Amino acid sequence: MSSVNGKENQLVNQLKFWFNRDGMILYLGQNSCSELTKEIADLPWNCVFTSLRKDDLADMFAKVEGRLPINIISADAPREKLMNRSDLSIIRLNGVGINENKLSIKQMAQRNHMLSWLSYLVGNGFNHLIIIGYDASNEEEIPSSDMYTILNKLPKDSVRFFGIPEEKLIDEDLPQVLIEDRIAQSYDMALGDILLKSAKIEELDEIVYERKETDKIIYANGKSVYMPKDWTNECSKFAYVLNEEDVNGTVIYGREQRAEAFYQFLKKSATEWPQWYGYNKKHDFHVKREYEDLLYTMVKAQLGDIHIEGGHVDREKSILLCGHPGSSKSITLGAIALRVFLEWKHPIVYIKNADLTFSQNSSTYKRLSAMLQKLEAAGSEEQKVLLIWDCSSYNPTYRAEELYNNLVNDGRKVVLLSSAYEQPQDFYNTCEKQAKIDIPRTGKLFKIIQVFEQSN
């Protein structure tokens, strides 16, 4: 049980961080009518699920300027478009309006199908579910067994219950079981009371509901930023900015699809672009190399996030990952990119082309520098952008040095991480590596390969 007595502001700060960074989903149970206050309804929810049948429920959420609540009563709705703060989807699991008859078998099947969308929406590990007013004793409520079937698949610590006194947390009840499974935490205070007692919720970033479909979500200084398409248009042929859609846009289901996805992860990560779904903890195709943590530490030190006591990382130099062909440099660079992305501090630009040149007067360099300048403006003055150039080849490595020096001389706040087959002169911070796999992880690797072989 998590107590908020005397810690309301700390809890609100956490909620603030989540609303600015993640997707937030609200579940309204049968006892939520008295708990649903204006302070709760006005928060920038991405989606609402409810067992309530109230006709005017959507009106509670319509008082925020620029937001249009939409009642979803059919399982035919495209789940990919549910997480929209401007067109707020309210998933009406039991339908809308008074219904004196019990749900038919088909209606219950549709309800459970709509409830299963939570696995998709929260299951990627970057969204959170807030539950208020859940009452399993009410015959109109979604049964605990149906709720548990869906919620027990969610990531650890992704669910929060509010308004449940500790003495009402009973063994075998849904909240207590999810707490024991480390999926949920529970607070005895009602969410509306917590918000009323703290003014800090007003510090939430201004929500821009006019986001265009072409905008991508990136992160800077712990805040989500909508990145217009025109920021990257001129660099789209050789570079892209890692964004929320890249990281969470692919969900894999089933044995055969998982086997094919693993094969594509190995194949395309080395020859094309990183396959970000493979690094997702839910799929976890990535086999961590023993040198990854060292490289990550070097990158974090260059970004200014950590200080290495007695370390030898020269912040005036870029970082070069050296290793022979086939030593997993590309997959490791992707892993570093995602680890930094998930900290929501620094925008990340990824380039995978060994033949590019970035002389200061070239159009390629000018376009890249202009894009980096826009990304810098999305954060604070001290914030740096992580630029990763997967350029392994036998060509001279001075091009990466030239790019880094040009960017720094032009005032760009950037950390450059690149790759090479051979260690060059001493103008880089180098991380040499061999193709070794952590022994504890080989069992998982062989298991995945075995699955792939069996499916073919």
Foldseek 3Di string as FASTA:
>chain_A
DDECVVPLVVVLVVVLLLLFFFAEEEEEEPQCPVLDDLVNLQRQHQEYEYLDQEQCPQVSNPPHPQAAEDEDAFLPDDLVRQRASRHYYYDHLNYHDDDPDDDDPVSNVRSLSVLLSCCLRQALPGYAYEYEDHDCVDPSGDHLVSNCVRQLNGDAARYEYEQQDPVNLDPPGNVVVCVVSRRYDYYNHRPVVSPVVDPCNVVRDDDDNVQDPQWFWAFAQSGTDTHHPVLCVVPVVFKDWDGPCQQSVDDADDLQSLLVVLVCQVPCLQPPNHNNPCVRPVNVSDFDDPCLVVVLVLVCVLQVNDDDVVDDRDNVFAEEEEAAPPLCPSVSVSNSQVVVRVVRHAIEMEGEEQPDAQAPPDPNVVSVLSSLVVRCVVYDPSGEHEYEYAREDPPDPCRQVNSSVSSVVVPHRYHYYYYYHDDDDDRHRYDYDGNDGDVVCVVVNVVSVVSSVVSD
